Amino acid sequence: MASLPAAFREYKRLEVMRDERGLSLEELERWTQLKRILTEHMRPGVGGYFADKQASLRVPIREQAEFDRQGEACACVVTNISRGGVFVASDTLLPVGAAFALRFPNDGGSVELPGVVTSTSSGADREGREQGMGIRFDGLSAEAQAFVQQIYGRAMEEADVTAA
């Protein structure tokens, strides 16, 4: 196999092609293979199952955000992001299926990213993992989609540096 940085660069190249013109069957198979390899590197022990369920690679990130629980603002840290969702580390957990609105500070205001809780981890049930929730974005506005693309792109660039 090629080096990890080379695999990451190839994945990023295929990701751009996927957005611009779509991928051939061969390119799609390679993109999927690289996503599995990189997922295992960035999220050891997760394996191909979760990599195959997600529409894009989950990349590490550390961003402060907040969400509401019964009218109370709860602080959280976004620990990874993909184009379709995030994992938020938090002491406060919502039930799977709950509507969720993540707020990021942005230019003196905030951007709200609506979603749905798809998984929870209490920490005690997953050795070595942070407590928190997996969130799938749902009903993003054009502004929110652009914000996700911006954060995801920045996380991809930072992950590229750390993959070396």
Protein backbone atom coordinates (compact mmCIF):
# COMPACT_ATOMS: atom_id res chain seq x y z
CA MET A 1 0.00 0.00 0.00
CA ALA A 2 1.08 3.58 -0.63
CA SER A 3 2.08 5.74 2.31
CA LEU A 4 -0.70 7.19 4.43
CA PRO A 5 -0.10 10.79 3.22
CA ALA A 6 -0.22 9.58 -0.39
CA ALA A 7 -3.46 7.68 0.28
CA PHE A 8 -4.95 10.78 1.89
CA ARG A 9 -3.97 12.98 -1.07
CA GLU A 10 -5.50 10.45 -3.46
CA TYR A 11 -8.71 10.36 -1.41
CA LYS A 12 -8.92 14.18 -1.49
CA ARG A 13 -8.37 14.20 -5.26
CA LEU A 14 -11.13 11.64 -5.78
CA GLU A 15 -13.42 13.57 -3.40
CA VAL A 16 -13.05 16.69 -5.58
CA MET A 17 -13.70 14.67 -8.74
CA ARG A 18 -16.76 13.12 -7.05
CA ASP A 19 -18.17 16.60 -6.45
CA GLU A 20 -17.31 18.01 -9.86
CA ARG A 21 -18.22 15.25 -12.29
CA GLY A 22 -18.93 12.06 -10.39
CA LEU A 23 -16.73 8.96 -10.29
CA SER A 24 -16.42 5.99 -12.62
CA LEU A 25 -17.04 2.58 -11.08
CA GLU A 26 -13.27 2.00 -10.72
CA GLU A 27 -12.77 5.42 -9.12
CA LEU A 28 -15.68 4.84 -6.76
CA GLU A 29 -14.24 1.49 -5.67
CA ARG A 30 -10.86 3.13 -5.02
CA TRP A 31 -12.49 6.03 -3.14
CA THR A 32 -14.36 3.51 -0.96
CA GLN A 33 -11.18 1.51 -0.30
CA LEU A 34 -9.26 4.65 0.67
CA LYS A 35 -12.10 5.80 2.93
CA ARG A 36 -11.92 2.47 4.80
CA ILE A 37 -8.12 2.68 5.17
CA LEU A 38 -8.19 6.29 6.35
CA THR A 39 -11.11 5.66 8.71
CA GLU A 40 -9.15 2.87 10.37
CA HIS A 41 -6.18 5.20 10.75
CA MET A 42 -8.15 8.19 12.08
CA ARG A 43 -10.62 6.16 14.15
CA PRO A 44 -8.85 2.92 15.11
CA GLY A 45 -11.16 0.00 15.79
CA VAL A 46 -14.11 1.52 13.93
CA GLY A 47 -13.56 -0.64 10.87
CA GLY A 48 -15.13 -0.72 7.44
CA TYR A 49 -18.73 -1.00 8.65
CA PHE A 50 -18.95 2.61 9.79
CA ALA A 51 -16.77 3.85 6.93
CA ASP A 52 -19.22 2.29 4.48
CA LYS A 53 -22.26 3.88 6.17
CA GLN A 54 -20.90 7.42 5.94
CA ALA A 55 -21.04 9.54 2.81
CA SER A 56 -17.57 10.96 3.39
CA LEU A 57 -14.52 10.47 5.56
CA ARG A 58 -14.86 11.59 9.16
CA VAL A 59 -11.89 13.76 9.98
CA PRO A 60 -10.70 14.91 13.41
CA ILE A 61 -11.54 18.43 14.52
CA ARG A 62 -11.77 20.25 17.87
CA GLU A 63 -14.39 23.00 17.71
CA GLN A 64 -16.41 24.45 20.57
CA ALA A 65 -20.17 24.53 20.00
CA GLU A 66 -23.41 24.28 21.94
CA PHE A 67 -26.88 22.79 21.70
CA ASP A 68 -30.12 23.11 23.66
CA ARG A 69 -31.58 20.51 25.97
CA GLN A 70 -34.96 21.43 27.38
CA GLY A 71 -34.22 25.14 26.92
CA GLU A 72 -30.79 24.96 28.54
CA ALA A 73 -27.63 25.64 26.51
CA CYS A 74 -25.18 22.75 26.76
CA ALA A 75 -21.52 23.16 25.79
CA CYS A 76 -19.92 20.50 23.63
CA VAL A 77 -16.83 19.88 21.55
CA VAL A 78 -17.12 18.65 17.97
CA THR A 79 -14.43 15.96 17.71
CA ASN A 80 -14.92 14.82 14.12
CA ILE A 81 -16.82 15.95 11.06
CA SER A 82 -17.94 14.54 7.75
CA ARG A 83 -20.08 16.13 5.09
CA GLY A 84 -23.10 14.41 6.59
CA GLY A 85 -22.63 14.84 10.32
CA VAL A 86 -20.46 15.21 13.40
CA PHE A 87 -19.60 13.58 16.69
CA VAL A 88 -20.04 15.89 19.67
CA ALA A 89 -18.33 15.13 22.97
CA SER A 90 -20.64 16.18 25.79
CA ASP A 91 -21.62 15.23 29.32
CA THR A 92 -25.24 15.76 28.25
CA LEU A 93 -26.75 13.10 26.00
CA LEU A 94 -30.01 13.23 24.06
CA PRO A 95 -31.87 10.09 23.00
CA VAL A 96 -31.32 8.52 19.59
CA GLY A 97 -33.81 10.02 17.16
CA ALA A 98 -34.00 13.38 18.95
CA ALA A 99 -33.95 16.52 16.85
CA PHE A 100 -30.71 18.39 17.38
CA ALA A 101 -29.46 21.89 16.54
CA LEU A 102 -25.74 22.48 16.90
CA ARG A 103 -24.64 26.12 17.14
CA PHE A 104 -21.18 27.23 16.12
CA PRO A 105 -19.90 30.74 16.86
CA ASN A 106 -19.30 32.53 13.55
CA ASP A 107 -18.37 36.16 12.79
CA GLY A 108 -19.87 37.56 15.99
CA GLY A 109 -23.06 35.50 15.58
CA SER A 110 -23.65 31.81 15.18
CA VAL A 111 -24.51 29.25 12.55
CA GLU A 112 -27.07 26.60 13.40
CA LEU A 113 -26.71 23.10 11.99
CA PRO A 114 -29.91 21.06 12.43
CA GLY A 115 -29.68 17.32 12.69
CA VAL A 116 -30.79 14.13 14.35
CA VAL A 117 -29.05 12.10 17.06
CA THR A 118 -28.07 8.78 15.44
CA SER A 119 -25.94 7.25 18.20
CA THR A 120 -24.78 7.84 21.75
CA SER A 121 -21.74 6.73 23.67
CA SER A 122 -21.74 6.99 27.43
CA GLY A 123 -17.98 6.49 27.64
CA ALA A 124 -18.46 3.60 30.03
CA ASP A 125 -19.84 1.44 27.22
CA ARG A 126 -16.93 2.15 24.84
CA GLU A 127 -13.50 1.79 26.36
CA GLY A 128 -11.22 4.70 25.50
CA ARG A 129 -13.91 6.66 23.64
CA GLU A 130 -15.32 10.05 24.52
CA GLN A 131 -18.85 10.35 25.81
CA GLY A 132 -21.11 12.03 23.32
CA MET A 133 -23.45 11.74 20.36
CA GLY A 134 -23.27 11.02 16.66
CA ILE A 135 -25.30 13.59 14.74
CA ARG A 136 -26.56 13.35 11.14
CA PHE A 137 -27.23 16.74 9.56
CA ASP A 138 -30.82 17.20 8.44
CA GLY A 139 -32.36 20.11 6.57
CA LEU A 140 -29.29 22.35 6.32
CA SER A 141 -29.86 25.81 4.87
CA ALA A 142 -27.58 26.99 2.06
CA GLU A 143 -25.64 29.05 4.63
CA ALA A 144 -25.28 26.03 6.92
CA GLN A 145 -24.15 23.80 4.01
CA ALA A 146 -21.50 26.35 3.06
CA PHE A 147 -20.36 26.50 6.69
CA VAL A 148 -20.07 22.68 6.88
CA GLN A 149 -18.06 22.67 3.64
CA GLN A 150 -15.75 25.35 5.07
CA ILE A 151 -15.15 23.49 8.34
CA TYR A 152 -14.84 20.12 6.60
CA GLY A 153 -12.35 21.55 4.09
CA ARG A 154 -10.26 23.06 6.88
CA ALA A 155 -10.35 19.78 8.83
CA MET A 156 -9.26 17.89 5.70
CA GLU A 157 -6.30 20.25 5.26
CA GLU A 158 -5.29 19.86 8.91
CA ALA A 159 -5.68 16.09 8.71
CA ASP A 160 -3.45 16.09 5.62
CA VAL A 161 -0.69 17.72 7.65
CA THR A 162 -1.08 15.32 10.58
CA ALA A 163 -1.20 12.22 8.33
CA ALA A 164 2.47 12.74 7.39
